[in-house]
Amino acid sequence: MTGSIVSGRTTIPVRNLWLLMLYASKLFATNGRIRSGAEQHPDDLPDLVTEILVTAVDRRLQRHLSQTYVDRRESLTRVRGRIDVLRTESAQLLSRGRVACRFTELDVDNPRNQLLLAALRVGGGLAQSPELAHRCRQLAGMMGQIGVSAVVLSPDGADRIMLGRNDSDDTDAVNAARLLLRMNLPNEDTGFRHRMAPLRDVEEIRRLYEAAVRGLYRVALPQPWRVHAGETRHTWPVTESSGGAAAILPVMRTDVILESPDRR
């Protein structure tokens, strides 16, 4: 998991890609325990992240899994929610005493819990501790019995699962799950899955490195400093130009922006 990023004539050593993924993650910003332990023992990072996930999921199962409203479409013997007239007529459901309905209901089989289950299955394979790996498989089995579906999630798909204002109890669990999925599948192609290699995936690692730098600054700089991705395009300072010149003049896009409290 080690390598280097080559930029011009400069070689930047990458001690551990998992450590970069940690710096770039939300878990690094929200969990002080992972910050203190991971840098000293980066090779133990999968176990550290998995333990955070297992502890959070176990605590949640002892109370109850989070529920969200899920859209359902079913053929029922009585009306519930809204009637799907087209489906009812096309399938001739009324002749069988049924009606097609669309409704929402609270369910544990929602994207957030599916993410946790997917991460537990990943953690069971990544964890070096046999006891921790067994605990992951045990909790995954419990979630399946409760009714959570086992789905395959990509790291980007996991990032799109949002937490609400009242979901603070699930913050560590979701952030640890996202990080585990990224550690397991750092790069994907259709039909294959391969580990990230510094000489093959230069652009991907460059983006990861920039995200890691932003993550470190977010933790190190006190509020109200703001750290965000470079979205500011600095164009060439031209006062007069011929037609079409703007298309060929260089444009600089910043990698990281650090905004001071006085916004200078």
Protein backbone atom coordinates (compact mmCIF):
# COMPACT_ATOMS: atom_id res chain seq x y z
CA MET A 1 0.00 0.00 0.00
CA THR A 2 2.98 2.32 -0.39
CA GLY A 3 4.22 4.28 -3.37
CA SER A 4 4.86 7.80 -4.58
CA ILE A 5 3.29 10.61 -6.59
CA VAL A 6 5.48 12.01 -9.35
CA SER A 7 4.88 15.68 -10.09
CA GLY A 8 7.30 17.19 -12.57
CA ARG A 9 10.73 16.54 -11.06
CA THR A 10 9.39 16.18 -7.52
CA THR A 11 8.57 12.82 -5.96
CA ILE A 12 6.21 12.97 -2.99
CA PRO A 13 6.38 9.78 -0.90
CA VAL A 14 3.06 8.16 0.01
CA ARG A 15 3.67 6.12 3.14
CA ASN A 16 0.28 4.43 3.16
CA LEU A 17 -2.69 4.96 0.86
CA TRP A 18 -5.07 3.95 3.63
CA LEU A 19 -3.72 6.85 5.69
CA LEU A 20 -4.45 9.27 2.84
CA MET A 21 -7.97 7.88 2.62
CA LEU A 22 -8.38 8.48 6.34
CA TYR A 23 -7.21 12.10 6.09
CA ALA A 24 -9.65 12.67 3.22
CA SER A 25 -12.58 11.10 5.09
CA LYS A 26 -15.21 12.70 7.30
CA LEU A 27 -14.34 10.20 10.02
CA PHE A 28 -10.96 11.90 10.48
CA ALA A 29 -12.69 15.21 11.14
CA THR A 30 -15.31 13.88 13.56
CA ASN A 31 -13.55 11.14 15.55
CA GLY A 32 -10.62 12.09 17.77
CA ARG A 33 -9.87 8.48 18.65
CA ILE A 34 -9.07 7.50 15.08
CA ARG A 35 -6.82 10.54 14.70
CA SER A 36 -4.69 9.59 17.69
CA GLY A 37 -4.32 5.91 16.84
CA ALA A 38 -4.04 5.70 13.06
CA GLU A 39 -0.96 7.85 12.50
CA GLN A 40 1.10 5.76 14.92
CA HIS A 41 0.00 2.43 13.41
CA PRO A 42 -1.25 3.01 9.84
CA ASP A 43 -1.17 -0.70 9.00
CA ASP A 44 -3.76 -1.28 11.74
CA LEU A 45 -6.13 1.27 10.20
CA PRO A 46 -8.64 -1.31 8.82
CA ASP A 47 -9.04 -2.77 12.31
CA LEU A 48 -9.39 0.67 13.91
CA VAL A 49 -12.09 1.75 11.44
CA THR A 50 -13.86 -1.61 11.61
CA GLU A 51 -13.93 -1.46 15.42
CA ILE A 52 -15.60 1.97 15.28
CA LEU A 53 -18.20 0.58 12.87
CA VAL A 54 -18.84 -2.57 14.92
CA THR A 55 -19.21 -0.61 18.18
CA ALA A 56 -21.65 1.85 16.61
CA VAL A 57 -23.76 -0.83 14.89
CA ASP A 58 -23.85 -2.99 18.04
CA ARG A 59 -25.06 0.00 20.07
CA ARG A 60 -27.70 0.76 17.46
CA LEU A 61 -28.95 -2.84 17.38
CA GLN A 62 -29.34 -2.88 21.15
CA ARG A 63 -31.85 -0.06 20.79
CA HIS A 64 -33.27 -0.21 17.27
CA LEU A 65 -32.02 0.38 13.75
CA SER A 66 -32.84 3.74 12.23
CA GLN A 67 -35.99 3.78 10.15
CA THR A 68 -36.85 5.99 7.20
CA TYR A 69 -39.85 6.29 4.92
CA VAL A 70 -39.48 4.02 1.90
CA ASP A 71 -41.64 4.11 -1.24
CA ARG A 72 -43.56 0.87 -1.84
CA ARG A 73 -45.59 -0.47 -4.77
CA GLU A 74 -47.65 -3.57 -3.97
CA SER A 75 -50.85 -5.37 -4.94
CA LEU A 76 -53.08 -5.39 -1.86
CA THR A 77 -56.55 -6.60 -0.90
CA ARG A 78 -57.40 -3.16 0.44
CA VAL A 79 -56.51 0.38 -0.56
CA ARG A 80 -53.42 1.85 1.05
CA GLY A 81 -51.95 5.18 0.02
CA ARG A 82 -52.64 6.01 -3.64
CA ILE A 83 -54.14 3.66 -6.24
CA ASP A 84 -52.02 2.89 -9.30
CA VAL A 85 -54.93 2.86 -11.77
CA LEU A 86 -52.88 1.92 -14.84
CA ARG A 87 -51.27 -1.09 -13.19
CA THR A 88 -54.53 -2.15 -11.59
CA GLU A 89 -56.34 -2.14 -14.94
CA SER A 90 -53.53 -3.60 -17.06
CA ALA A 91 -53.01 -6.54 -14.69
CA GLN A 92 -56.80 -6.99 -14.16
CA LEU A 93 -56.25 -7.00 -10.42
CA LEU A 94 -59.82 -6.04 -9.50
CA SER A 95 -61.12 -9.33 -10.89
CA ARG A 96 -58.93 -11.07 -8.32
CA GLY A 97 -59.99 -8.81 -5.48
CA ARG A 98 -56.75 -6.83 -5.41
CA VAL A 99 -55.66 -3.29 -6.17
CA ALA A 100 -52.22 -1.84 -7.03
CA CYS A 101 -51.18 0.78 -4.47
CA ARG A 102 -48.35 3.24 -3.96
CA PHE A 103 -47.53 4.16 -0.39
CA THR A 104 -44.68 4.98 2.00
CA GLU A 105 -43.85 3.23 5.24
CA LEU A 106 -41.18 3.27 7.90
CA ASP A 107 -38.67 0.51 7.25
CA VAL A 108 -35.22 -0.58 8.40
CA ASP A 109 -34.40 -1.65 4.84
CA ASN A 110 -33.21 1.80 3.84
CA PRO A 111 -30.01 3.07 2.16
CA ARG A 112 -28.31 3.97 5.45
CA ASN A 113 -28.68 0.51 6.96
CA GLN A 114 -27.78 -1.11 3.64
CA LEU A 115 -24.55 0.91 3.75
CA LEU A 116 -23.77 -0.32 7.27
CA LEU A 117 -24.43 -3.93 6.24
CA ALA A 118 -22.23 -3.61 3.15
CA ALA A 119 -19.42 -2.13 5.27
CA LEU A 120 -19.70 -4.92 7.86
CA ARG A 121 -19.20 -7.47 5.10
CA VAL A 122 -16.17 -5.54 3.86
CA GLY A 123 -14.81 -5.17 7.40
CA GLY A 124 -15.09 -8.91 7.92
CA GLY A 125 -12.65 -9.37 5.06
CA LEU A 126 -10.29 -6.49 5.81
CA ALA A 127 -9.93 -6.88 9.57
CA GLN A 128 -6.74 -8.63 10.67
CA SER A 129 -8.20 -9.59 14.05
CA PRO A 130 -10.13 -12.91 13.79
CA GLU A 131 -12.37 -11.83 16.66
CA LEU A 132 -13.22 -8.54 14.96
CA ALA A 133 -13.86 -10.26 11.63
CA HIS A 134 -16.19 -12.74 13.37
CA ARG A 135 -18.04 -9.88 15.06
CA CYS A 136 -18.57 -8.22 11.67
CA ARG A 137 -20.08 -11.39 10.22
CA GLN A 138 -22.25 -11.85 13.30
CA LEU A 139 -23.67 -8.31 13.14
CA ALA A 140 -24.16 -8.58 9.38
CA GLY A 141 -26.20 -11.74 9.94
CA MET A 142 -28.32 -10.01 12.57
CA MET A 143 -29.05 -7.09 10.26
CA GLY A 144 -30.04 -9.49 7.49
CA GLN A 145 -32.44 -11.30 9.82
CA ILE A 146 -34.06 -8.01 10.80
CA GLY A 147 -34.75 -7.30 7.12
CA VAL A 148 -31.88 -5.19 5.78
CA SER A 149 -31.01 -6.11 2.20
CA ALA A 150 -27.45 -6.94 1.19
CA VAL A 151 -26.63 -4.63 -1.72
CA VAL A 152 -23.35 -3.81 -3.46
CA LEU A 153 -22.44 -0.16 -2.92
CA SER A 154 -19.64 1.81 -4.56
CA PRO A 155 -17.73 4.39 -2.50
CA ASP A 156 -19.34 7.19 -4.53
CA GLY A 157 -22.78 5.69 -3.92
CA ALA A 158 -22.05 5.58 -0.20
CA ASP A 159 -21.07 9.27 -0.22
CA ARG A 160 -24.50 10.15 -1.64
CA ILE A 161 -26.29 8.72 1.41
CA MET A 162 -26.97 11.76 3.54
CA LEU A 163 -27.59 12.17 7.25
CA GLY A 164 -30.29 14.43 8.62
CA ARG A 165 -30.12 16.94 11.43
CA ASN A 166 -31.37 14.40 13.97
CA ASP A 167 -29.07 11.56 12.92
CA SER A 168 -26.03 12.39 15.03
CA ASP A 169 -26.08 8.91 16.63
CA ASP A 170 -25.25 7.39 13.25
CA THR A 171 -22.47 9.80 12.27
CA ASP A 172 -19.49 7.64 13.28
CA ALA A 173 -21.07 4.47 11.90
CA VAL A 174 -21.83 5.99 8.50
CA ASN A 175 -18.46 7.74 8.20
CA ALA A 176 -16.61 4.55 9.15
CA ALA A 177 -18.69 2.58 6.63
CA ARG A 178 -17.87 5.03 3.85
CA LEU A 179 -14.17 4.81 4.63
CA LEU A 180 -14.17 1.00 4.70
CA LEU A 181 -15.83 0.82 1.28
CA ARG A 182 -13.25 3.21 -0.12
CA MET A 183 -10.40 1.22 1.41
CA ASN A 184 -11.76 -1.99 -0.09
CA LEU A 185 -12.59 -0.65 -3.55
CA PRO A 186 -10.38 2.37 -4.17
CA ASN A 187 -10.71 2.01 -7.93
CA GLU A 188 -13.19 0.25 -10.22
CA ASP A 189 -13.58 -0.60 -13.89
CA THR A 190 -16.50 -2.35 -15.56
CA GLY A 191 -15.94 -6.05 -15.13
CA PHE A 192 -12.88 -5.76 -12.86
CA ARG A 193 -11.84 -4.54 -9.47
CA HIS A 194 -8.26 -3.69 -8.72
CA ARG A 195 -6.25 -2.08 -5.97
CA MET A 196 -4.99 1.40 -6.58
CA ALA A 197 -1.42 1.45 -7.92
CA PRO A 198 0.63 4.70 -7.82
CA LEU A 199 2.15 4.21 -11.28
CA ARG A 200 -1.13 3.20 -12.92
CA ASP A 201 -3.68 5.44 -11.21
CA VAL A 202 -1.71 8.69 -11.04
CA GLU A 203 -4.70 11.02 -11.45
CA GLU A 204 -6.81 9.15 -8.92
CA ILE A 205 -4.03 9.24 -6.33
CA ARG A 206 -3.38 12.92 -7.05
CA ARG A 207 -7.04 13.69 -6.26
CA LEU A 208 -6.81 11.55 -3.13
CA TYR A 209 -3.67 13.38 -2.03
CA GLU A 210 -5.36 16.77 -2.50
CA ALA A 211 -8.42 15.58 -0.55
CA ALA A 212 -6.11 14.34 2.23
CA VAL A 213 -4.40 17.75 2.42
CA ARG A 214 -7.80 19.44 2.72
CA GLY A 215 -8.80 16.99 5.45
CA LEU A 216 -5.65 17.72 7.46
CA TYR A 217 -6.18 21.48 7.18
CA ARG A 218 -9.83 21.18 8.27
CA VAL A 219 -8.71 19.52 11.49
CA ALA A 220 -5.62 21.69 12.07
CA LEU A 221 -7.08 25.13 11.38
CA PRO A 222 -9.45 26.52 14.00
CA GLN A 223 -12.82 27.98 13.20
CA PRO A 224 -13.77 30.25 11.52
CA TRP A 225 -11.14 29.29 8.92
CA ARG A 226 -12.69 27.67 5.85
CA VAL A 227 -11.03 24.97 3.76
CA HIS A 228 -12.51 23.89 0.46
CA ALA A 229 -11.62 22.43 -2.90
CA GLY A 230 -10.16 24.72 -5.49
CA GLU A 231 -13.01 25.98 -7.60
CA THR A 232 -11.62 29.41 -8.39
CA ARG A 233 -10.34 29.79 -11.93
CA HIS A 234 -7.68 32.44 -12.35
CA THR A 235 -7.62 33.62 -15.93
CA TRP A 236 -4.75 35.29 -17.74
CA PRO A 237 -4.77 39.07 -17.05
CA VAL A 238 -5.62 40.34 -20.52
CA THR A 239 -6.77 43.86 -21.28
CA GLU A 240 -7.14 43.46 -25.04
CA SER A 241 -7.28 40.30 -27.15
CA SER A 242 -8.20 39.09 -30.59
CA GLY A 243 -11.18 36.84 -31.22
CA GLY A 244 -10.72 33.28 -29.96
CA ALA A 245 -7.75 34.15 -27.72
CA ALA A 246 -9.63 33.21 -24.55
CA ALA A 247 -9.86 29.60 -25.74
CA ILE A 248 -6.08 29.13 -25.87
CA LEU A 249 -4.86 31.27 -22.97
CA PRO A 250 -3.95 29.31 -19.80
CA VAL A 251 -6.31 29.14 -16.83
CA MET A 252 -5.22 28.20 -13.31
CA ARG A 253 -7.53 26.22 -11.05
CA THR A 254 -6.47 26.13 -7.41
CA ASP A 255 -6.22 22.76 -5.63
CA VAL A 256 -6.99 23.91 -2.08
CA ILE A 257 -8.35 27.23 -0.82
CA LEU A 258 -7.72 28.35 2.76
CA GLU A 259 -9.98 31.25 3.61
CA SER A 260 -9.04 33.33 6.64
CA PRO A 261 -11.60 34.69 9.09
CA ASP A 262 -11.48 38.13 7.44
CA ARG A 263 -12.01 36.38 4.05
CA ARG A 264 -8.79 37.68 2.51
